[in-house]
PDB file of N, CA and C in Angstrom:
ATOM      1  N   MET A   1       0.777  -1.214  -0.015  1.00  0.00           N
ATOM      2  CA  MET A   1       0.157   0.142   0.011  1.00  0.00           C
ATOM      3  C   MET A   1       0.876   1.095  -0.074  1.00  0.00           C
ATOM      4  N   ILE A   2       0.564   2.267  -0.902  1.00  0.00           N
ATOM      5  CA  ILE A   2       1.444   3.222  -1.035  1.00  0.00           C
ATOM      6  C   ILE A   2       0.914   4.422  -0.195  1.00  0.00           C
ATOM      7  N   GLY A   3       1.788   4.962   0.699  1.00  0.00           N
ATOM      8  CA  GLY A   3       1.609   6.128   1.604  1.00  0.00           C
ATOM      9  C   GLY A   3       0.731   5.890   2.879  1.00  0.00           C
ATOM     10  N   THR A   4       1.253   4.715   3.270  1.00  0.00           N
ATOM     11  CA  THR A   4       0.551   4.299   4.600  1.00  0.00           C
ATOM     12  C   THR A   4       1.309   5.079   5.579  1.00  0.00           C
ATOM     13  N   ILE A   5       0.518   5.698   6.730  1.00  0.00           N
ATOM     14  CA  ILE A   5       1.245   6.518   7.408  1.00  0.00           C
ATOM     15  C   ILE A   5       0.426   5.796   9.108  1.00  0.00           C
ATOM     16  N   ARG A   6       1.375   5.456   9.874  1.00  0.00           N
ATOM     17  CA  ARG A   6       0.924   4.707  11.069  1.00  0.00           C
ATOM     18  C   ARG A   6       0.160   5.849  12.097  1.00  0.00           C
ATOM     19  N   ILE A   7      -0.518   5.638  12.936  1.00  0.00           N
ATOM     20  CA  ILE A   7      -0.842   6.313  13.842  1.00  0.00           C
ATOM     21  C   ILE A   7       0.157   7.124  14.796  1.00  0.00           C
ATOM     22  N   THR A   8       0.947   6.484  14.971  1.00  0.00           N
ATOM     23  CA  THR A   8       2.093   6.750  16.034  1.00  0.00           C
ATOM     24  C   THR A   8       2.883   7.909  15.326  1.00  0.00           C
ATOM     25  N   ASP A   9       3.158   7.832  13.907  1.00  0.00           N
ATOM     26  CA  ASP A   9       3.906   8.721  13.288  1.00  0.00           C
ATOM     27  C   ASP A   9       3.140   9.974  13.184  1.00  0.00           C
ATOM     28  N   MET A  10       1.690   9.979  12.995  1.00  0.00           N
ATOM     29  CA  MET A  10       0.966  11.185  13.028  1.00  0.00           C
ATOM     30  C   MET A  10       1.026  11.865  14.497  1.00  0.00           C
ATOM     31  N   TYR A  11       1.244  11.144  15.445  1.00  0.00           N
ATOM     32  CA  TYR A  11       1.158  11.695  17.014  1.00  0.00           C
ATOM     33  C   TYR A  11       2.497  12.408  16.962  1.00  0.00           C
ATOM     34  N   MET A  12       3.597  11.675  16.578  1.00  0.00           N
ATOM     35  CA  MET A  12       4.928  12.112  16.785  1.00  0.00           C
ATOM     36  C   MET A  12       5.118  13.716  15.892  1.00  0.00           C
ATOM     37  N   SER A  13       4.623  13.455  14.727  1.00  0.00           N
ATOM     38  CA  SER A  13       4.659  15.039  14.072  1.00  0.00           C
ATOM     39  C   SER A  13       3.919  16.231  14.781  1.00  0.00           C
ATOM     40  N   VAL A  14       2.742  15.813  15.490  1.00  0.00           N
ATOM     41  CA  VAL A  14       1.924  16.788  16.432  1.00  0.00           C
ATOM     42  C   VAL A  14       2.880  17.229  17.461  1.00  0.00           C
ATOM     43  N   LEU A  15       3.497  16.199  18.265  1.00  0.00           N
ATOM     44  CA  LEU A  15       3.903  16.119  19.436  1.00  0.00           C
ATOM     45  C   LEU A  15       5.516  16.868  19.138  1.00  0.00           C
ATOM     46  N   SER A  16       6.149  16.749  18.200  1.00  0.00           N
ATOM     47  CA  SER A  16       7.546  17.122  17.873  1.00  0.00           C
ATOM     48  C   SER A  16       7.709  18.529  18.407  1.00  0.00           C
ATOM     49  N   SER A  17       6.914  19.589  18.303  1.00  0.00           N
ATOM     50  CA  SER A  17       7.094  20.903  19.019  1.00  0.00           C
ATOM     51  C   SER A  17       7.033  20.932  20.501  1.00  0.00           C
ATOM     52  N   LEU A  18       6.729  19.811  21.090  1.00  0.00           N
ATOM     53  CA  LEU A  18       6.921  19.851  22.590  1.00  0.00           C
ATOM     54  C   LEU A  18       8.503  19.860  22.984  1.00  0.00           C
ATOM     55  N   SER A  19       8.346  20.879  24.160  1.00  0.00           N
ATOM     56  CA  SER A  19       9.788  20.681  24.922  1.00  0.00           C
ATOM     57  C   SER A  19      10.305  19.331  25.518  1.00  0.00           C
ATOM     58  N   ASN A  20      11.320  19.142  25.851  1.00  0.00           N
ATOM     59  CA  ASN A  20      11.944  17.791  26.389  1.00  0.00           C
ATOM     60  C   ASN A  20      11.078  17.526  27.652  1.00  0.00           C
ATOM     61  N   ASP A  21      10.796  18.554  28.584  1.00  0.00           N
ATOM     62  CA  ASP A  21      10.144  18.347  29.744  1.00  0.00           C
ATOM     63  C   ASP A  21       8.727  17.937  29.610  1.00  0.00           C
ATOM     64  N   GLU A  22       8.144  18.480  28.570  1.00  0.00           N
ATOM     65  CA  GLU A  22       6.731  18.412  28.435  1.00  0.00           C
ATOM     66  C   GLU A  22       6.544  16.989  27.511  1.00  0.00           C
ATOM     67  N   LYS A  23       7.467  16.382  27.072  1.00  0.00           N
ATOM     68  CA  LYS A  23       7.765  15.185  26.517  1.00  0.00           C
ATOM     69  C   LYS A  23       7.520  14.073  27.511  1.00  0.00           C
ATOM     70  N   LEU A  24       8.756  14.325  28.351  1.00  0.00           N
ATOM     71  CA  LEU A  24       8.473  13.542  29.598  1.00  0.00           C
ATOM     72  C   LEU A  24       7.623  13.413  30.419  1.00  0.00           C
ATOM     73  N   ASP A  25       7.003  14.633  30.619  1.00  0.00           N
ATOM     74  CA  ASP A  25       5.670  14.551  31.209  1.00  0.00           C
ATOM     75  C   ASP A  25       4.621  13.583  30.869  1.00  0.00           C
ATOM     76  N   LEU A  26       4.474  14.027  29.435  1.00  0.00           N
ATOM     77  CA  LEU A  26       3.546  13.223  28.684  1.00  0.00           C
ATOM     78  C   LEU A  26       4.020  11.458  28.832  1.00  0.00           C
ATOM     79  N   ILE A  27       5.124  11.296  28.722  1.00  0.00           N
ATOM     80  CA  ILE A  27       5.762  10.015  28.938  1.00  0.00           C
ATOM     81  C   ILE A  27       5.406   9.376  30.342  1.00  0.00           C
ATOM     82  N   ALA A  28       5.406  10.140  31.288  1.00  0.00           N
ATOM     83  CA  ALA A  28       4.960   9.628  32.679  1.00  0.00           C
ATOM     84  C   ALA A  28       3.424   9.229  32.753  1.00  0.00           C
ATOM     85  N   LYS A  29       2.466  10.489  32.262  1.00  0.00           N
ATOM     86  CA  LYS A  29       1.363  10.602  32.098  1.00  0.00           C
ATOM     87  C   LYS A  29       0.768   9.059  31.381  1.00  0.00           C
ATOM     88  N   LEU A  30       1.590   8.903  30.274  1.00  0.00           N
ATOM     89  CA  LEU A  30       1.056   7.520  29.608  1.00  0.00           C
ATOM     90  C   LEU A  30       1.342   6.378  30.251  1.00  0.00           C
ATOM     91  N   SER A  31       2.644   6.026  30.885  1.00  0.00           N
ATOM     92  CA  SER A  31       3.238   5.147  31.598  1.00  0.00           C
ATOM     93  C   SER A  31       2.006   4.998  32.856  1.00  0.00           C
ATOM     94  N   ASP A  32       1.761   6.017  33.587  1.00  0.00           N
ATOM     95  CA  ASP A  32       0.734   5.907  35.011  1.00  0.00           C
ATOM     96  C   ASP A  32      -0.665   5.213  34.259  1.00  0.00           C
ATOM     97  N   SER A  33      -1.178   5.649  33.149  1.00  0.00           N
ATOM     98  CA  SER A  33      -2.510   5.365  32.503  1.00  0.00           C
ATOM     99  C   SER A  33      -2.248   3.781  32.210  1.00  0.00           C
ATOM    100  N   MET A  34      -1.196   3.210  31.977  1.00  0.00           N
ATOM    101  CA  MET A  34      -1.018   1.769  31.497  1.00  0.00           C
ATOM    102  C   MET A  34      -0.889   1.053  32.796  1.00  0.00           C
ATOM    103  N   ARG A  35      -0.219   1.758  33.963  1.00  0.00           N
ATOM    104  CA  ARG A  35      -0.183   0.814  35.028  1.00  0.00           C
ATOM    105  C   ARG A  35      -1.416   0.716  35.947  1.00  0.00           C
ATOM    106  N   LYS A  36      -2.178   1.799  35.925  1.00  0.00           N
ATOM    107  CA  LYS A  36      -3.691   1.747  36.610  1.00  0.00           C
ATOM    108  C   LYS A  36      -4.149   0.452  36.118  1.00  0.00           C
ATOM    109  N   LYS A  37      -4.891  -0.064  37.256  1.00  0.00           N
ATOM    110  CA  LYS A  37      -5.733  -0.984  37.052  1.00  0.00           C
ATOM    111  C   LYS A  37      -7.056  -0.361  36.501  1.00  0.00           C
ATOM    112  N   LYS A  38      -7.687  -1.351  35.722  1.00  0.00           N
ATOM    113  CA  LYS A  38      -8.898  -0.631  34.902  1.00  0.00           C
ATOM    114  C   LYS A  38     -10.210  -0.912  36.036  1.00  0.00           C
ATOM    115  N   THR A  39     -10.665   0.055  36.012  1.00  0.00           N
ATOM    116  CA  THR A  39     -11.927   0.247  37.114  1.00  0.00           C
ATOM    117  C   THR A  39     -13.070  -0.635  36.357  1.00  0.00           C
ATOM    118  N   VAL A  40     -13.496  -1.468  37.271  1.00  0.00           N
ATOM    119  CA  VAL A  40     -14.940  -1.903  36.646  1.00  0.00           C
ATOM    120  C   VAL A  40     -15.922  -0.955  36.338  1.00  0.00           C
ATOM    121  N   ALA A  41     -16.323  -1.209  34.936  1.00  0.00           N
ATOM    122  CA  ALA A  41     -17.230  -0.206  34.553  1.00  0.00           C
ATOM    123  C   ALA A  41     -18.459  -0.060  35.312  1.00  0.00           C
ATOM    124  N   LYS A  42     -19.181   0.883  35.470  1.00  0.00           N
ATOM    125  CA  LYS A  42     -20.530   0.914  36.374  1.00  0.00           C
ATOM    126  C   LYS A  42     -21.577   0.250  35.458  1.00  0.00           C
ATOM    127  N   LYS A  43     -22.363  -0.874  36.090  1.00  0.00           N
ATOM    128  CA  LYS A  43     -23.199  -1.590  35.348  1.00  0.00           C
ATOM    129  C   LYS A  43     -24.249  -0.553  34.501  1.00  0.00           C
ATOM    130  N   ALA A  44     -24.344  -0.959  33.112  1.00  0.00           N
ATOM    131  CA  ALA A  44     -25.145   0.032  32.576  1.00  0.00           C
ATOM    132  C   ALA A  44     -26.468  -0.315  32.983  1.00  0.00           C
ATOM    133  N   SER A  45     -27.460   0.602  32.608  1.00  0.00           N
ATOM    134  CA  SER A  45     -28.966   0.117  32.750  1.00  0.00           C
ATOM    135  C   SER A  45     -29.215  -0.667  31.803  1.00  0.00           C
ATOM    136  N   MET A  46     -30.252  -1.351  31.950  1.00  0.00           N
ATOM    137  CA  MET A  46     -30.927  -2.097  30.704  1.00  0.00           C
ATOM    138  C   MET A  46     -31.664  -1.226  29.974  1.00  0.00           C
ATOM    139  N   GLU A  47     -32.026  -0.256  30.499  1.00  0.00           N
ATOM    140  CA  GLU A  47     -33.187   0.589  29.699  1.00  0.00           C
ATOM    141  C   GLU A  47     -32.121   1.934  29.456  1.00  0.00           C
ATOM    142  N   ILE A  48     -32.310   1.985  27.964  1.00  0.00           N
ATOM    143  CA  ILE A  48     -31.375   2.841  27.101  1.00  0.00           C
ATOM    144  C   ILE A  48     -31.889   4.581  27.642  1.00  0.00           C
ATOM    145  N   PHE A  49     -33.305   4.605  28.051  1.00  0.00           N
ATOM    146  CA  PHE A  49     -33.512   6.040  28.018  1.00  0.00           C
ATOM    147  C   PHE A  49     -33.494   6.502  29.591  1.00  0.00           C
ATOM    148  N   ASP A  50     -33.020   5.628  30.571  1.00  0.00           N
ATOM    149  CA  ASP A  50     -33.262   5.824  32.168  1.00  0.00           C
ATOM    150  C   ASP A  50     -32.680   7.305  32.435  1.00  0.00           C
ATOM    151  N   CYS A  51     -31.882   7.547  31.805  1.00  0.00           N
ATOM    152  CA  CYS A  51     -31.093   8.889  32.419  1.00  0.00           C
ATOM    153  C   CYS A  51     -32.062  10.221  31.873  1.00  0.00           C
ATOM    154  N   PHE A  52     -33.057   9.532  31.036  1.00  0.00           N
ATOM    155  CA  PHE A  52     -33.924  11.133  30.770  1.00  0.00           C
ATOM    156  C   PHE A  52     -35.396  10.722  31.611  1.00  0.00           C
ATOM    157  N   HIS A  53     -35.250   9.942  32.550  1.00  0.00           N
ATOM    158  CA  HIS A  53     -36.550   9.673  33.306  1.00  0.00           C
ATOM    159  C   HIS A  53     -37.234  10.732  33.841  1.00  0.00           C
ATOM    160  N   ALA A  54     -36.310  11.904  34.676  1.00  0.00           N
ATOM    161  CA  ALA A  54     -37.130  12.692  35.021  1.00  0.00           C
ATOM    162  C   ALA A  54     -37.653  13.772  33.939  1.00  0.00           C
ATOM    163  N   ASP A  55     -36.930  13.840  32.949  1.00  0.00           N
ATOM    164  CA  ASP A  55     -37.113  14.846  31.806  1.00  0.00           C
ATOM    165  C   ASP A  55     -38.345  14.626  31.195  1.00  0.00           C
ATOM    166  N   TRP A  56     -38.539  13.302  31.036  1.00  0.00           N
ATOM    167  CA  TRP A  56     -39.869  12.727  30.227  1.00  0.00           C
ATOM    168  C   TRP A  56     -40.822  12.426  31.088  1.00  0.00           C
ATOM    169  N   GLY A  57     -40.734  12.895  32.423  1.00  0.00           N
ATOM    170  CA  GLY A  57     -42.223  12.916  33.212  1.00  0.00           C
ATOM    171  C   GLY A  57     -42.213  12.156  34.559  1.00  0.00           C
ATOM    172  N   GLY A  58     -41.093  11.724  35.017  1.00  0.00           N
ATOM    173  CA  GLY A  58     -40.794  11.384  36.060  1.00  0.00           C
ATOM    174  C   GLY A  58     -41.331  10.007  36.673  1.00  0.00           C
ATOM    175  N   GLU A  59     -42.278   9.878  37.467  1.00  0.00           N
ATOM    176  CA  GLU A  59     -42.806   8.698  37.789  1.00  0.00           C
ATOM    177  C   GLU A  59     -43.979   8.070  37.024  1.00  0.00           C
ATOM    178  N   ASP A  60     -44.494   8.998  36.281  1.00  0.00           N
ATOM    179  CA  ASP A  60     -45.559   8.554  35.028  1.00  0.00           C
ATOM    180  C   ASP A  60     -45.280   7.314  34.333  1.00  0.00           C
ATOM    181  N   THR A  61     -46.351   6.493  34.101  1.00  0.00           N
ATOM    182  CA  THR A  61     -46.328   5.415  33.178  1.00  0.00           C
ATOM    183  C   THR A  61     -46.187   5.907  31.863  1.00  0.00           C
ATOM    184  N   PRO A  62     -45.755   5.199  31.033  1.00  0.00           N
ATOM    185  CA  PRO A  62     -45.463   5.802  29.315  1.00  0.00           C
ATOM    186  C   PRO A  62     -47.081   5.891  29.010  1.00  0.00           C
ATOM    187  N   GLU A  63     -48.185   5.404  29.497  1.00  0.00           N
ATOM    188  CA  GLU A  63     -49.391   5.312  29.022  1.00  0.00           C
ATOM    189  C   GLU A  63     -50.013   6.874  29.565  1.00  0.00           C
ATOM    190  N   ASN A  64     -49.458   7.371  30.696  1.00  0.00           N
ATOM    191  CA  ASN A  64     -50.051   8.283  31.537  1.00  0.00           C
ATOM    192  C   ASN A  64     -49.299   9.513  30.474  1.00  0.00           C
ATOM    193  N   ILE A  65     -48.403   9.389  30.004  1.00  0.00           N
ATOM    194  CA  ILE A  65     -47.403  10.446  29.789  1.00  0.00           C
ATOM    195  C   ILE A  65     -47.887  10.906  28.315  1.00  0.00           C
ATOM    196  N   ALA A  66     -48.099   9.761  27.500  1.00  0.00           N
ATOM    197  CA  ALA A  66     -49.046   9.795  26.264  1.00  0.00           C
ATOM    198  C   ALA A  66     -50.295  10.274  26.529  1.00  0.00           C
ATOM    199  N   GLU A  67     -51.068  10.154  27.198  1.00  0.00           N
ATOM    200  CA  GLU A  67     -52.287  10.717  27.433  1.00  0.00           C
ATOM    201  C   GLU A  67     -52.182  12.180  27.888  1.00  0.00           C
ATOM    202  N   SER A  68     -51.135  12.790  28.415  1.00  0.00           N
ATOM    203  CA  SER A  68     -51.142  14.082  28.763  1.00  0.00           C
ATOM    204  C   SER A  68     -50.621  14.852  27.493  1.00  0.00           C
ATOM    205  N   LEU A  69     -49.801  14.091  26.648  1.00  0.00           N
ATOM    206  CA  LEU A  69     -49.228  14.606  25.696  1.00  0.00           C
ATOM    207  C   LEU A  69     -50.553  14.974  24.722  1.00  0.00           C
ATOM    208  N   ARG A  70     -51.330  14.110  24.625  1.00  0.00           N
ATOM    209  CA  ARG A  70     -52.708  14.246  23.875  1.00  0.00           C
ATOM    210  C   ARG A  70     -53.517  15.274  24.257  1.00  0.00           C
ATOM    211  N   LYS A  71     -53.989  15.358  25.240  1.00  0.00           N
ATOM    212  CA  LYS A  71     -54.657  16.172  25.701  1.00  0.00           C
ATOM    213  C   LYS A  71     -53.927  17.732  25.794  1.00  0.00           C
ATOM    214  N   GLY A  72     -52.792  17.737  25.610  1.00  0.00           N
ATOM    215  CA  GLY A  72     -52.114  19.340  25.268  1.00  0.00           C
ATOM    216  C   GLY A  72     -52.177  19.606  24.059  1.00  0.00           C
ATOM    217  N   ARG A  73     -52.550  18.949  23.313  1.00  0.00           N
ATOM    218  CA  ARG A  73     -52.522  19.158  21.666  1.00  0.00           C
ATOM    219  C   ARG A  73     -53.897  20.017  21.623  1.00  0.00           C
ATOM    220  N   THR A  74     -53.289  21.143  20.946  1.00  0.00           N
ATOM    221  CA  THR A  74     -54.472  22.111  20.145  1.00  0.00           C
ATOM    222  C   THR A  74     -54.818  22.158  18.965  1.00  0.00           C
ATOM    223  N   PHE A  75     -56.083  21.693  18.538  1.00  0.00           N
ATOM    224  CA  PHE A  75     -56.279  21.715  16.831  1.00  0.00           C
ATOM    225  C   PHE A  75     -57.306  23.308  16.625  1.00  0.00           C
ATOM    226  N   ASN A  76     -56.517  23.934  15.763  1.00  0.00           N
ATOM    227  CA  ASN A  76     -57.243  25.182  15.368  1.00  0.00           C
ATOM    228  C   ASN A  76     -57.644  25.281  14.072  1.00  0.00           C
ATOM    229  N   ARG A  77     -57.528  24.298  13.360  1.00  0.00           N
ATOM    230  CA  ARG A  77     -57.773  24.277  11.853  1.00  0.00           C
ATOM    231  C   ARG A  77     -59.130  23.310  11.577  1.00  0.00           C
ATOM    232  N   ASN A  78     -59.808  24.381  10.815  1.00  0.00           N
ATOM    233  CA  ASN A  78     -61.029  23.588  10.426  1.00  0.00           C
ATOM    234  C   ASN A  78     -60.814  22.852   9.017  1.00  0.00           C
ATOM    235  N   VAL A  79     -61.200  21.468   8.890  1.00  0.00           N
ATOM    236  CA  VAL A  79     -61.097  21.001   7.662  1.00  0.00           C
ATOM    237  C   VAL A  79     -62.543  20.556   7.233  1.00  0.00           C
ATOM    238  N   GLU A  80     -62.896  21.071   6.120  1.00  0.00           N
ATOM    239  CA  GLU A  80     -64.324  21.079   5.597  1.00  0.00           C
ATOM    240  C   GLU A  80     -64.388  19.830   4.822  1.00  0.00           C
ATOM    241  N   ASP A  81     -65.342  19.256   4.978  1.00  0.00           N
ATOM    242  CA  ASP A  81     -65.825  17.851   4.499  1.00  0.00           C
ATOM    243  C   ASP A  81     -66.107  17.847   3.009  1.00  0.00           C
ATOM    244  N   TRP A  82     -65.713  17.159   2.133  1.00  0.00           N
ATOM    245  CA  TRP A  82     -65.913  17.236   0.592  1.00  0.00           C
ATOM    246  C   TRP A  82     -67.597  17.109   0.265  1.00  0.00           C
TER     247      TRP A  82
END
């Protein structure tokens, strides 16, 4: 493949302008990130929209939320019969 660029080469071209102290600091931070044990991810909720629970009506059931949306609609257009 012609012109293949590795991602590490791309990073090096970006980081080449850093001073030696900044590069050493970056190396230390990268090393620390590799040494740290990975934390167990918080168990994701089975319901994808749980984070919007309060925004979408709190403790109401989906049926109650749908009914309140229907009641909130206003129709001001008169459609004539043919």
